[in-house]
Amino acid sequence: MRWKSEAHRYGAVAVTIHWTTALAIFGLLASGLAMGRLNDAGKTDLLRVHAIVGVSVLVLTLLRIAWWAFADRRPGDVSGQPRWQAAAAWAVHRLLYVVIIVMGISGIAMIALTGAGTILFGGEAGPLPSFHAVPPRAAHGTGYLVLSALIALHIGAALYHQFVRSDRLLGRMGIGAAPR
């Protein structure tokens, strides 16, 4: 696989960013749900990891956008794909970027506005503050729901292409043979 994308396949940089981000986001979604069921000590440890991974996903997403803007070109649309599907794919990908950025910024803002950073990263002891009292919490919670829906659409479309249309779309992202 080449570093940059080709006409029918994403390059190694794009594939690596995609799958690394995808795995991290699944971990973030699961850990975000799990934190509601933990005591304060367990929540602090998990939130520390959640915050670091969340910032990493934000940085990876910004790097991905920069990669597309300055260094690489996406492969063309899948041949034979209806225009509405191409438009929907375009919209879902852009919305994924927007929601990931909003989630990252709202997470950072919650930690900054509540002062939780000193407990998570500054060695200060004490209970975590309430995140529900700060405005970015609403954006973070709504973002979770929107991100989950977009991921379901994204995965559903990829599986539809792979198994119903049999156009080997997953091959563009490094799984199997690429379409021609």
Foldseek 3Di string as FASTA:
>chain_A
DAQAADQFAGHPLLLVLVVLLVVLVVVLLVLVVVLVVDDQVVNLVSVLVSLVSLVVSLVSLVVNVVCCVPPYPAHDDQPPDDPVVVVVVVVLVVVLSVLSNLLNVLSVVLCVVQVVCCVNPVVDDDGGDDSVVDVSVVSNVVSSVVNVVSVCVVVVVQCCCCPVVVQQSCVNSPDDPTGD
